[in-house]
C-alpha atoms as a PDB file:
ATOM      1  CA  MET A   1      32.514  67.449 169.240  1.00  0.00           C
ATOM      2  CA  PRO A   2      34.148  67.493 165.768  1.00  0.00           C
ATOM      3  CA  TYR A   3      37.860  66.909 165.415  1.00  0.00           C
ATOM      4  CA  ASN A   4      40.328  69.367 163.897  1.00  0.00           C
ATOM      5  CA  TYR A   5      42.320  67.999 160.993  1.00  0.00           C
ATOM      6  CA  SER A   6      45.986  68.846 160.620  1.00  0.00           C
ATOM      7  CA  LEU A   7      49.232  67.232 159.501  1.00  0.00           C
ATOM      8  CA  GLU A   8      52.311  69.200 160.589  1.00  0.00           C
ATOM      9  CA  PHE A   9      54.245  68.729 157.364  1.00  0.00           C
ATOM     10  CA  GLU A  10      51.384  69.754 155.076  1.00  0.00           C
ATOM     11  CA  LYS A  11      52.355  73.423 155.251  1.00  0.00           C
ATOM     12  CA  ASP A  12      55.775  72.525 153.806  1.00  0.00           C
ATOM     13  CA  TYR A  13      54.491  70.877 150.657  1.00  0.00           C
ATOM     14  CA  LYS A  14      51.638  73.369 150.326  1.00  0.00           C
ATOM     15  CA  GLU A  15      54.342  76.014 149.915  1.00  0.00           C
ATOM     16  CA  LEU A  16      55.994  73.884 147.226  1.00  0.00           C
ATOM     17  CA  GLU A  17      52.633  73.466 145.504  1.00  0.00           C
ATOM     18  CA  LYS A  18      52.114  77.246 145.659  1.00  0.00           C
ATOM     19  CA  LYS A  19      55.490  77.916 143.988  1.00  0.00           C
ATOM     20  CA  LEU A  20      54.813  75.256 141.339  1.00  0.00           C
ATOM     21  CA  ASN A  21      51.406  76.800 140.472  1.00  0.00           C
ATOM     22  CA  GLU A  22      52.899  80.281 140.342  1.00  0.00           C
ATOM     23  CA  LEU A  23      55.596  79.087 137.976  1.00  0.00           C
ATOM     24  CA  LYS A  24      53.028  77.411 135.718  1.00  0.00           C
ATOM     25  CA  GLU A  25      50.925  80.607 135.639  1.00  0.00           C
ATOM     26  CA  LEU A  26      54.007  82.693 134.840  1.00  0.00           C
ATOM     27  CA  ALA A  27      54.993  80.362 132.026  1.00  0.00           C
ATOM     28  CA  VAL A  28      51.573  80.770 130.433  1.00  0.00           C
ATOM     29  CA  LYS A  29      51.318  84.498 131.056  1.00  0.00           C
ATOM     30  CA  LYS A  30      54.831  85.378 129.809  1.00  0.00           C
ATOM     31  CA  LYS A  31      55.008  82.528 127.262  1.00  0.00           C
ATOM     32  CA  ILE A  32      58.342  81.415 128.680  1.00  0.00           C
ATOM     33  CA  ASP A  33      59.484  77.752 128.655  1.00  0.00           C
ATOM     34  CA  PHE A  34      59.805  76.735 132.286  1.00  0.00           C
ATOM     35  CA  SER A  35      59.213  73.042 131.560  1.00  0.00           C
ATOM     36  CA  GLN A  36      62.549  71.925 133.073  1.00  0.00           C
ATOM     37  CA  GLU A  37      62.010  73.946 136.258  1.00  0.00           C
ATOM     38  CA  ILE A  38      58.396  72.735 136.513  1.00  0.00           C
ATOM     39  CA  ALA A  39      59.449  69.084 136.084  1.00  0.00           C
ATOM     40  CA  THR A  40      62.117  69.528 138.773  1.00  0.00           C
ATOM     41  CA  LEU A  41      59.622  71.023 141.237  1.00  0.00           C
ATOM     42  CA  GLU A  42      57.048  68.324 140.476  1.00  0.00           C
ATOM     43  CA  THR A  43      59.611  65.568 141.098  1.00  0.00           C
ATOM     44  CA  LYS A  44      60.682  67.267 144.326  1.00  0.00           C
ATOM     45  CA  LEU A  45      57.057  67.626 145.448  1.00  0.00           C
ATOM     46  CA  ASP A  46      56.161  64.021 144.647  1.00  0.00           C
ATOM     47  CA  GLY A  47      59.235  62.777 146.474  1.00  0.00           C
ATOM     48  CA  PHE A  48      58.548  64.920 149.498  1.00  0.00           C
ATOM     49  CA  LYS A  49      54.945  63.675 149.724  1.00  0.00           C
ATOM     50  CA  GLU A  50      55.894  60.039 149.281  1.00  0.00           C
ATOM     51  CA  GLU A  51      58.612  60.228 151.923  1.00  0.00           C
ATOM     52  CA  ARG A  52      56.359  61.895 154.471  1.00  0.00           C
ATOM     53  CA  TYR A  53      53.193  59.859 153.882  1.00  0.00           C
ATOM     54  CA  ASN A  54      55.105  56.567 153.947  1.00  0.00           C
ATOM     55  CA  ALA A  55      56.441  57.473 157.404  1.00  0.00           C
ATOM     56  CA  LEU A  56      53.233  58.648 159.075  1.00  0.00           C
ATOM     57  CA  SER A  57      52.946  58.161 162.830  1.00  0.00           C
ATOM     58  CA  ALA A  58      49.887  56.496 164.351  1.00  0.00           C
ATOM     59  CA  TRP A  59      48.621  59.886 165.488  1.00  0.00           C
ATOM     60  CA  GLN A  60      48.949  61.319 161.985  1.00  0.00           C
ATOM     61  CA  LYS A  61      46.906  58.417 160.611  1.00  0.00           C
ATOM     62  CA  VAL A  62      44.261  59.173 163.218  1.00  0.00           C
ATOM     63  CA  GLN A  63      44.114  62.723 161.808  1.00  0.00           C
ATOM     64  CA  ILE A  64      43.632  61.406 158.262  1.00  0.00           C
ATOM     65  CA  ALA A  65      40.948  58.917 159.439  1.00  0.00           C
ATOM     66  CA  ARG A  66      39.048  61.895 160.885  1.00  0.00           C
ATOM     67  CA  HIS A  67      39.419  64.147 157.836  1.00  0.00           C
ATOM     68  CA  PRO A  68      36.107  65.969 157.303  1.00  0.00           C
ATOM     69  CA  GLU A  69      36.147  65.307 153.533  1.00  0.00           C
ATOM     70  CA  ARG A  70      36.818  61.578 153.897  1.00  0.00           C
ATOM     71  CA  PRO A  71      34.055  59.542 152.196  1.00  0.00           C
ATOM     72  CA  ALA A  72      31.395  58.314 154.625  1.00  0.00           C
ATOM     73  CA  THR A  73      29.026  55.355 154.499  1.00  0.00           C
ATOM     74  CA  MET A  74      26.426  57.059 152.304  1.00  0.00           C
ATOM     75  CA  ASP A  75      29.176  58.074 149.856  1.00  0.00           C
ATOM     76  CA  TYR A  76      30.246  54.424 149.479  1.00  0.00           C
ATOM     77  CA  ILE A  77      26.637  53.313 149.141  1.00  0.00           C
ATOM     78  CA  SER A  78      26.058  55.819 146.305  1.00  0.00           C
ATOM     79  CA  ALA A  79      29.240  54.820 144.548  1.00  0.00           C
ATOM     80  CA  LEU A  80      29.276  51.026 144.975  1.00  0.00           C
ATOM     81  CA  PHE A  81      25.655  49.902 145.092  1.00  0.00           C
ATOM     82  CA  ASP A  82      22.621  50.108 142.868  1.00  0.00           C
ATOM     83  CA  ASP A  83      18.913  50.474 143.789  1.00  0.00           C
ATOM     84  CA  PHE A  84      19.598  51.310 147.443  1.00  0.00           C
ATOM     85  CA  ILE A  85      16.458  51.586 149.569  1.00  0.00           C
ATOM     86  CA  GLU A  86      17.053  53.002 153.040  1.00  0.00           C
ATOM     87  CA  LEU A  87      15.071  51.430 155.881  1.00  0.00           C
ATOM     88  CA  HIS A  88      14.366  53.383 159.066  1.00  0.00           C
ATOM     89  CA  GLY A  89      13.516  52.782 162.688  1.00  0.00           C
ATOM     90  CA  ASP A  90      14.045  50.110 165.332  1.00  0.00           C
ATOM     91  CA  ARG A  91      10.321  49.361 165.827  1.00  0.00           C
ATOM     92  CA  TYR A  92      10.755  50.236 169.521  1.00  0.00           C
ATOM     93  CA  TYR A  93      11.567  53.938 169.930  1.00  0.00           C
ATOM     94  CA  ARG A  94      12.671  55.925 166.825  1.00  0.00           C
ATOM     95  CA  ASP A  95      15.041  56.103 163.883  1.00  0.00           C
ATOM     96  CA  ASP A  96      18.713  56.873 164.579  1.00  0.00           C
ATOM     97  CA  PRO A  97      20.425  58.795 161.742  1.00  0.00           C
ATOM     98  CA  ALA A  98      23.876  57.883 163.139  1.00  0.00           C
ATOM     99  CA  ILE A  99      23.405  54.395 161.662  1.00  0.00           C
ATOM    100  CA  VAL A 100      22.063  54.008 158.122  1.00  0.00           C
ATOM    101  CA  GLY A 101      20.971  50.749 156.501  1.00  0.00           C
ATOM    102  CA  GLY A 102      18.872  49.215 153.853  1.00  0.00           C
ATOM    103  CA  ILE A 103      18.781  46.886 150.887  1.00  0.00           C
ATOM    104  CA  ALA A 104      20.664  47.292 147.609  1.00  0.00           C
ATOM    105  CA  ARG A 105      22.342  45.437 144.776  1.00  0.00           C
ATOM    106  CA  PHE A 106      26.111  44.917 144.654  1.00  0.00           C
ATOM    107  CA  ASN A 107      27.155  43.942 141.143  1.00  0.00           C
ATOM    108  CA  GLY A 108      23.665  42.447 140.695  1.00  0.00           C
ATOM    109  CA  ILE A 109      23.714  40.573 144.039  1.00  0.00           C
ATOM    110  CA  PRO A 110      20.975  41.570 146.549  1.00  0.00           C
ATOM    111  CA  VAL A 111      22.648  42.650 149.815  1.00  0.00           C
ATOM    112  CA  THR A 112      21.917  44.400 153.077  1.00  0.00           C
ATOM    113  CA  VAL A 113      24.119  47.441 153.822  1.00  0.00           C
ATOM    114  CA  ILE A 114      24.581  48.908 157.313  1.00  0.00           C
ATOM    115  CA  GLY A 115      26.979  51.571 158.467  1.00  0.00           C
ATOM    116  CA  HIS A 116      27.775  54.433 160.790  1.00  0.00           C
ATOM    117  CA  GLN A 117      27.135  57.842 159.244  1.00  0.00           C
ATOM    118  CA  LYS A 118      28.905  61.064 160.178  1.00  0.00           C
ATOM    119  CA  GLY A 119      28.061  64.490 158.833  1.00  0.00           C
ATOM    120  CA  LYS A 120      30.107  66.649 156.461  1.00  0.00           C
ATOM    121  CA  ASP A 121      29.445  69.913 158.269  1.00  0.00           C
ATOM    122  CA  THR A 122      28.106  71.161 161.618  1.00  0.00           C
ATOM    123  CA  SER A 123      24.396  70.926 160.713  1.00  0.00           C
ATOM    124  CA  GLN A 124      24.790  67.395 159.330  1.00  0.00           C
ATOM    125  CA  ASN A 125      26.854  66.303 162.324  1.00  0.00           C
ATOM    126  CA  LEU A 126      24.171  67.558 164.687  1.00  0.00           C
ATOM    127  CA  LYS A 127      21.597  65.574 162.736  1.00  0.00           C
ATOM    128  CA  ARG A 128      23.817  62.468 162.699  1.00  0.00           C
ATOM    129  CA  ASN A 129      25.011  62.983 166.299  1.00  0.00           C
ATOM    130  CA  PHE A 130      28.592  63.077 164.950  1.00  0.00           C
ATOM    131  CA  GLY A 131      28.253  59.424 163.942  1.00  0.00           C
ATOM    132  CA  MET A 132      27.710  58.238 167.564  1.00  0.00           C
ATOM    133  CA  PRO A 133      24.732  55.903 167.651  1.00  0.00           C
ATOM    134  CA  HIS A 134      22.064  55.675 170.312  1.00  0.00           C
ATOM    135  CA  PRO A 135      20.650  52.260 171.345  1.00  0.00           C
ATOM    136  CA  GLU A 136      17.929  52.506 168.703  1.00  0.00           C
ATOM    137  CA  GLY A 137      20.672  52.657 166.042  1.00  0.00           C
ATOM    138  CA  TYR A 138      21.956  49.266 167.076  1.00  0.00           C
ATOM    139  CA  ARG A 139      18.439  47.910 167.410  1.00  0.00           C
ATOM    140  CA  LYS A 140      17.803  49.087 163.843  1.00  0.00           C
ATOM    141  CA  ALA A 141      20.973  47.249 162.795  1.00  0.00           C
ATOM    142  CA  CYS A 142      19.704  44.076 164.552  1.00  0.00           C
ATOM    143  CA  ARG A 143      16.381  44.342 162.721  1.00  0.00           C
ATOM    144  CA  LEU A 144      18.152  44.622 159.367  1.00  0.00           C
ATOM    145  CA  LEU A 145      20.463  41.741 160.215  1.00  0.00           C
ATOM    146  CA  LYS A 146      17.508  39.479 160.963  1.00  0.00           C
ATOM    147  CA  GLN A 147      15.829  40.554 157.748  1.00  0.00           C
ATOM    148  CA  ALA A 148      18.999  39.792 155.752  1.00  0.00           C
ATOM    149  CA  GLU A 149      19.141  36.308 157.297  1.00  0.00           C
ATOM    150  CA  LYS A 150      15.475  35.653 156.502  1.00  0.00           C
ATOM    151  CA  PHE A 151      15.930  36.519 152.822  1.00  0.00           C
ATOM    152  CA  GLN A 152      19.502  35.068 152.610  1.00  0.00           C
ATOM    153  CA  ARG A 153      21.092  38.377 151.675  1.00  0.00           C
ATOM    154  CA  PRO A 154      24.810  38.900 152.436  1.00  0.00           C
ATOM    155  CA  VAL A 155      25.542  41.808 154.801  1.00  0.00           C
ATOM    156  CA  ILE A 156      28.122  44.503 154.167  1.00  0.00           C
ATOM    157  CA  CYS A 157      28.917  46.815 157.084  1.00  0.00           C
ATOM    158  CA  PHE A 158      30.830  50.110 157.061  1.00  0.00           C
ATOM    159  CA  ILE A 159      32.513  51.098 160.342  1.00  0.00           C
ATOM    160  CA  ASP A 160      33.159  54.803 161.015  1.00  0.00           C
ATOM    161  CA  THR A 161      32.476  56.120 164.503  1.00  0.00           C
ATOM    162  CA  GLN A 162      34.434  57.429 167.480  1.00  0.00           C
ATOM    163  CA  GLY A 163      32.135  55.329 169.658  1.00  0.00           C
ATOM    164  CA  ALA A 164      28.582  54.821 170.764  1.00  0.00           C
ATOM    165  CA  TYR A 165      26.872  57.879 172.283  1.00  0.00           C
ATOM    166  CA  PRO A 166      27.759  57.988 176.033  1.00  0.00           C
ATOM    167  CA  GLY A 167      24.912  60.265 177.176  1.00  0.00           C
ATOM    168  CA  VAL A 168      22.559  59.554 180.058  1.00  0.00           C
ATOM    169  CA  GLU A 169      19.582  59.051 177.768  1.00  0.00           C
ATOM    170  CA  ALA A 170      21.458  56.390 175.810  1.00  0.00           C
ATOM    171  CA  GLU A 171      22.209  54.514 179.035  1.00  0.00           C
ATOM    172  CA  GLU A 172      18.577  54.875 180.144  1.00  0.00           C
ATOM    173  CA  ARG A 173      17.465  53.199 176.888  1.00  0.00           C
ATOM    174  CA  GLY A 174      19.944  50.346 177.231  1.00  0.00           C
ATOM    175  CA  GLN A 175      23.068  51.219 175.242  1.00  0.00           C
ATOM    176  CA  GLY A 176      25.181  48.335 176.536  1.00  0.00           C
ATOM    177  CA  TRP A 177      22.372  45.829 176.031  1.00  0.00           C
ATOM    178  CA  ALA A 178      21.708  47.039 172.505  1.00  0.00           C
ATOM    179  CA  ILE A 179      25.391  46.690 171.540  1.00  0.00           C
ATOM    180  CA  ALA A 180      25.584  43.236 173.185  1.00  0.00           C
ATOM    181  CA  GLN A 181      22.514  42.062 171.274  1.00  0.00           C
ATOM    182  CA  THR A 182      24.013  43.278 167.989  1.00  0.00           C
ATOM    183  CA  LEU A 183      27.240  41.372 168.741  1.00  0.00           C
ATOM    184  CA  LEU A 184      25.270  38.247 169.538  1.00  0.00           C
ATOM    185  CA  GLN A 185      23.107  38.620 166.427  1.00  0.00           C
ATOM    186  CA  MET A 186      26.131  38.978 164.131  1.00  0.00           C
ATOM    187  CA  SER A 187      28.043  36.122 165.734  1.00  0.00           C
ATOM    188  CA  HIS A 188      25.483  33.503 164.646  1.00  0.00           C
ATOM    189  CA  LEU A 189      23.896  35.189 161.658  1.00  0.00           C
ATOM    190  CA  GLU A 190      23.214  32.577 158.970  1.00  0.00           C
ATOM    191  CA  THR A 191      24.408  34.643 156.017  1.00  0.00           C
ATOM    192  CA  PRO A 192      27.822  36.020 154.961  1.00  0.00           C
ATOM    193  CA  VAL A 193      29.007  39.194 156.710  1.00  0.00           C
ATOM    194  CA  ILE A 194      31.787  41.554 155.607  1.00  0.00           C
ATOM    195  CA  SER A 195      32.822  44.561 157.694  1.00  0.00           C
ATOM    196  CA  LEU A 196      34.991  47.369 156.354  1.00  0.00           C
ATOM    197  CA  VAL A 197      36.587  50.048 158.554  1.00  0.00           C
ATOM    198  CA  ILE A 198      36.511  53.224 156.393  1.00  0.00           C
ATOM    199  CA  GLY A 199      37.554  55.845 158.954  1.00  0.00           C
ATOM    200  CA  GLU A 200      37.641  55.786 162.737  1.00  0.00           C
ATOM    201  CA  GLY A 201      36.574  52.611 164.478  1.00  0.00           C
ATOM    202  CA  GLY A 202      36.230  53.421 168.158  1.00  0.00           C
ATOM    203  CA  SER A 203      35.261  51.271 171.115  1.00  0.00           C
ATOM    204  CA  GLY A 204      32.210  49.005 171.382  1.00  0.00           C
ATOM    205  CA  GLY A 205      30.268  51.381 169.144  1.00  0.00           C
ATOM    206  CA  ALA A 206      32.470  50.277 166.237  1.00  0.00           C
ATOM    207  CA  LEU A 207      32.838  46.651 167.318  1.00  0.00           C
ATOM    208  CA  ALA A 208      29.051  46.284 167.244  1.00  0.00           C
ATOM    209  CA  LEU A 209      29.263  46.123 163.443  1.00  0.00           C
ATOM    210  CA  GLY A 210      32.566  44.280 163.413  1.00  0.00           C
ATOM    211  CA  ILE A 211      31.653  40.628 164.095  1.00  0.00           C
ATOM    212  CA  ALA A 212      32.118  39.384 160.534  1.00  0.00           C
ATOM    213  CA  ASP A 213      33.450  36.624 158.351  1.00  0.00           C
ATOM    214  CA  ARG A 214      35.879  39.106 156.781  1.00  0.00           C
ATOM    215  CA  ILE A 215      37.128  42.363 158.330  1.00  0.00           C
ATOM    216  CA  LEU A 216      38.785  44.793 155.983  1.00  0.00           C
ATOM    217  CA  MET A 217      40.387  48.203 156.627  1.00  0.00           C
ATOM    218  CA  LEU A 218      41.427  51.147 154.518  1.00  0.00           C
ATOM    219  CA  SER A 219      45.103  51.846 154.992  1.00  0.00           C
ATOM    220  CA  TYR A 220      44.625  55.122 156.877  1.00  0.00           C
ATOM    221  CA  ALA A 221      41.706  53.901 158.937  1.00  0.00           C
ATOM    222  CA  VAL A 222      42.074  53.219 162.675  1.00  0.00           C
ATOM    223  CA  TYR A 223      40.338  50.675 164.911  1.00  0.00           C
ATOM    224  CA  SER A 224      40.745  50.616 168.682  1.00  0.00           C
ATOM    225  CA  VAL A 225      39.104  49.884 172.034  1.00  0.00           C
ATOM    226  CA  ILE A 226      39.289  53.603 172.858  1.00  0.00           C
ATOM    227  CA  SER A 227      40.332  56.838 171.241  1.00  0.00           C
ATOM    228  CA  PRO A 228      43.858  58.199 171.935  1.00  0.00           C
ATOM    229  CA  GLU A 229      42.302  61.150 173.749  1.00  0.00           C
ATOM    230  CA  GLY A 230      40.162  58.894 175.925  1.00  0.00           C
ATOM    231  CA  CYS A 231      43.114  56.665 176.712  1.00  0.00           C
ATOM    232  CA  ALA A 232      45.325  59.633 177.638  1.00  0.00           C
ATOM    233  CA  SER A 233      42.588  61.118 179.800  1.00  0.00           C
ATOM    234  CA  ILE A 234      41.887  57.881 181.714  1.00  0.00           C
ATOM    235  CA  LEU A 235      45.400  56.434 182.070  1.00  0.00           C
ATOM    236  CA  CYS A 236      47.518  59.567 182.165  1.00  0.00           C
ATOM    237  CA  LYS A 237      45.027  62.190 183.352  1.00  0.00           C
ATOM    238  CA  ASP A 238      46.542  64.315 180.591  1.00  0.00           C
ATOM    239  CA  VAL A 239      44.847  64.576 177.190  1.00  0.00           C
ATOM    240  CA  SER A 240      47.960  66.244 175.738  1.00  0.00           C
ATOM    241  CA  ARG A 241      49.562  62.779 175.690  1.00  0.00           C
ATOM    242  CA  SER A 242      47.096  61.575 173.063  1.00  0.00           C
ATOM    243  CA  ARG A 243      49.855  61.384 170.415  1.00  0.00           C
ATOM    244  CA  GLU A 244      51.871  59.041 172.658  1.00  0.00           C
ATOM    245  CA  MET A 245      48.841  56.886 173.427  1.00  0.00           C
ATOM    246  CA  ALA A 246      48.106  56.430 169.723  1.00  0.00           C
ATOM    247  CA  ASP A 247      51.387  54.558 169.393  1.00  0.00           C
ATOM    248  CA  TYR A 248      50.683  52.306 172.392  1.00  0.00           C
ATOM    249  CA  LEU A 249      47.160  51.446 171.257  1.00  0.00           C
ATOM    250  CA  LYS A 250      48.351  49.758 168.000  1.00  0.00           C
ATOM    251  CA  LEU A 251      45.271  51.057 166.205  1.00  0.00           C
ATOM    252  CA  THR A 252      46.495  51.431 162.615  1.00  0.00           C
ATOM    253  CA  ALA A 253      45.500  49.086 159.789  1.00  0.00           C
ATOM    254  CA  HIS A 254      49.120  47.907 159.483  1.00  0.00           C
ATOM    255  CA  ASP A 255      49.303  47.102 163.199  1.00  0.00           C
ATOM    256  CA  LEU A 256      46.051  45.149 163.181  1.00  0.00           C
ATOM    257  CA  HIS A 257      46.864  43.308 159.961  1.00  0.00           C
ATOM    258  CA  SER A 258      50.243  42.244 161.347  1.00  0.00           C
ATOM    259  CA  MET A 259      48.467  40.850 164.451  1.00  0.00           C
ATOM    260  CA  GLY A 260      45.957  38.930 162.296  1.00  0.00           C
ATOM    261  CA  LEU A 261      42.958  40.900 163.546  1.00  0.00           C
ATOM    262  CA  ILE A 262      41.921  42.059 160.077  1.00  0.00           C
ATOM    263  CA  ASP A 263      41.906  40.062 156.896  1.00  0.00           C
ATOM    264  CA  GLU A 264      43.030  42.645 154.338  1.00  0.00           C
ATOM    265  CA  LEU A 265      44.448  46.128 154.270  1.00  0.00           C
ATOM    266  CA  ILE A 266      43.079  48.129 151.343  1.00  0.00           C
ATOM    267  CA  PRO A 267      45.587  50.700 150.067  1.00  0.00           C
ATOM    268  CA  GLU A 268      44.366  54.298 149.728  1.00  0.00           C
ATOM    269  CA  PRO A 269      45.665  57.085 147.503  1.00  0.00           C
ATOM    270  CA  LEU A 270      48.886  58.504 148.955  1.00  0.00           C
ATOM    271  CA  GLU A 271      47.247  61.503 150.607  1.00  0.00           C
ATOM    272  CA  GLY A 272      44.075  59.674 151.699  1.00  0.00           C
ATOM    273  CA  ALA A 273      40.803  58.357 150.303  1.00  0.00           C
ATOM    274  CA  HIS A 274      39.306  61.853 149.995  1.00  0.00           C
ATOM    275  CA  THR A 275      41.989  62.984 147.471  1.00  0.00           C
ATOM    276  CA  ASN A 276      41.002  60.464 144.782  1.00  0.00           C
ATOM    277  CA  LEU A 277      37.472  59.173 145.276  1.00  0.00           C
ATOM    278  CA  GLU A 278      37.278  57.304 141.977  1.00  0.00           C
ATOM    279  CA  GLN A 279      40.424  55.296 142.751  1.00  0.00           C
ATOM    280  CA  THR A 280      39.215  54.606 146.305  1.00  0.00           C
ATOM    281  CA  TYR A 281      35.798  53.404 145.235  1.00  0.00           C
ATOM    282  CA  LYS A 282      37.236  51.119 142.553  1.00  0.00           C
ATOM    283  CA  ILE A 283      39.696  49.304 144.797  1.00  0.00           C
ATOM    284  CA  VAL A 284      37.097  48.958 147.579  1.00  0.00           C
ATOM    285  CA  LYS A 285      34.518  47.586 145.154  1.00  0.00           C
ATOM    286  CA  ASP A 286      36.977  45.111 143.630  1.00  0.00           C
ATOM    287  CA  THR A 287      38.143  43.927 147.097  1.00  0.00           C
ATOM    288  CA  LEU A 288      34.578  43.497 148.367  1.00  0.00           C
ATOM    289  CA  GLN A 289      33.686  41.455 145.313  1.00  0.00           C
ATOM    290  CA  VAL A 290      36.611  39.072 145.854  1.00  0.00           C
ATOM    291  CA  HIS A 291      35.701  38.396 149.466  1.00  0.00           C
ATOM    292  CA  LEU A 292      31.953  38.184 148.754  1.00  0.00           C
ATOM    293  CA  ASP A 293      32.517  35.580 146.017  1.00  0.00           C
ATOM    294  CA  GLU A 294      34.619  33.478 148.403  1.00  0.00           C
ATOM    295  CA  LEU A 295      32.038  33.642 151.193  1.00  0.00           C
ATOM    296  CA  LEU A 296      29.118  32.861 148.887  1.00  0.00           C
ATOM    297  CA  SER A 297      30.888  29.669 147.808  1.00  0.00           C
ATOM    298  CA  CYS A 298      30.857  28.384 151.419  1.00  0.00           C
ATOM    299  CA  SER A 299      28.007  26.506 153.052  1.00  0.00           C
ATOM    300  CA  ILE A 300      26.265  28.165 155.991  1.00  0.00           C
ATOM    301  CA  GLU A 301      27.524  25.442 158.328  1.00  0.00           C
ATOM    302  CA  ASP A 302      31.125  26.013 157.219  1.00  0.00           C
ATOM    303  CA  LEU A 303      30.657  29.781 157.442  1.00  0.00           C
ATOM    304  CA  LEU A 304      29.365  29.648 161.025  1.00  0.00           C
ATOM    305  CA  ASP A 305      32.122  27.246 162.091  1.00  0.00           C
ATOM    306  CA  LYS A 306      34.847  29.437 160.678  1.00  0.00           C
ATOM    307  CA  ARG A 307      33.279  32.541 162.280  1.00  0.00           C
ATOM    308  CA  TYR A 308      33.215  30.766 165.651  1.00  0.00           C
ATOM    309  CA  GLN A 309      36.816  29.632 165.322  1.00  0.00           C
ATOM    310  CA  ARG A 310      37.839  33.130 164.324  1.00  0.00           C
ATOM    311  CA  LEU A 311      36.241  34.654 167.428  1.00  0.00           C
ATOM    312  CA  ARG A 312      37.762  32.003 169.665  1.00  0.00           C
ATOM    313  CA  SER A 313      41.246  32.617 168.243  1.00  0.00           C
ATOM    314  CA  ILE A 314      41.343  36.332 169.077  1.00  0.00           C
ATOM    315  CA  GLY A 315      43.694  36.959 171.945  1.00  0.00           C
ATOM    316  CA  ASN A 316      45.261  33.500 171.828  1.00  0.00           C
END
């Protein structure tokens, strides 16, 4: 089911924004100079936003990561890549719209792009299964990974899912096996791999695209073994304690970067990636280019050795 988006303090600055807009309209309508009052309100509003957004709790960052207007994988593909050709199907069962992938050019470099895809509204979410892949989605990802290795194309993955689909039919078609095979495939893939968490990275469904040479996260993205709601339901038998569990899970980009589990935290606009798409796309593109250049300068042997050492070091 879709998540509701809300930040408790938003109503406070929305009221300030309303007063500011009313004052601007009055100044134009009555031709009165309210420039000093407008400047004072703008300063107050900017200060209020900066104070609140710089002190967000883990639960509030979860809410931003789930924002319905937050750019999804296909948005990044359209903005960052040229000549994208989407490839469909797992060659076993069917195509899974919850995972998209294909070939494209990134600043002139041929690459393979794979990512989870959520919808923007109810109809799209039904089509995309709310970004929760079935086994065929992961088998499609495996097929594209093998193709990328064959043609020596770097792989760029976008992670944004609350988890793999937990339905009976997914289990019947081998959900756990499909995820395991994707993890195995990525762990020894003989081409550079970069994974970027752009929203919510939940459970094994997210990890399946997260075995990479470089793991990056947007600053309001989250990445965890389970959602706060799932954790609260299982451990506390009380989903109302989700806010508390979000703190314990250490799922924010800052938490994971401080523990060395991600390589770089990519700063977003103050109010989230969706509030300034142009700025978001630019910094993501520049960051991807830096890491891709570094990885392309390494030999495959060195790349695989570092990837192995990276996996072995987790948890030590």
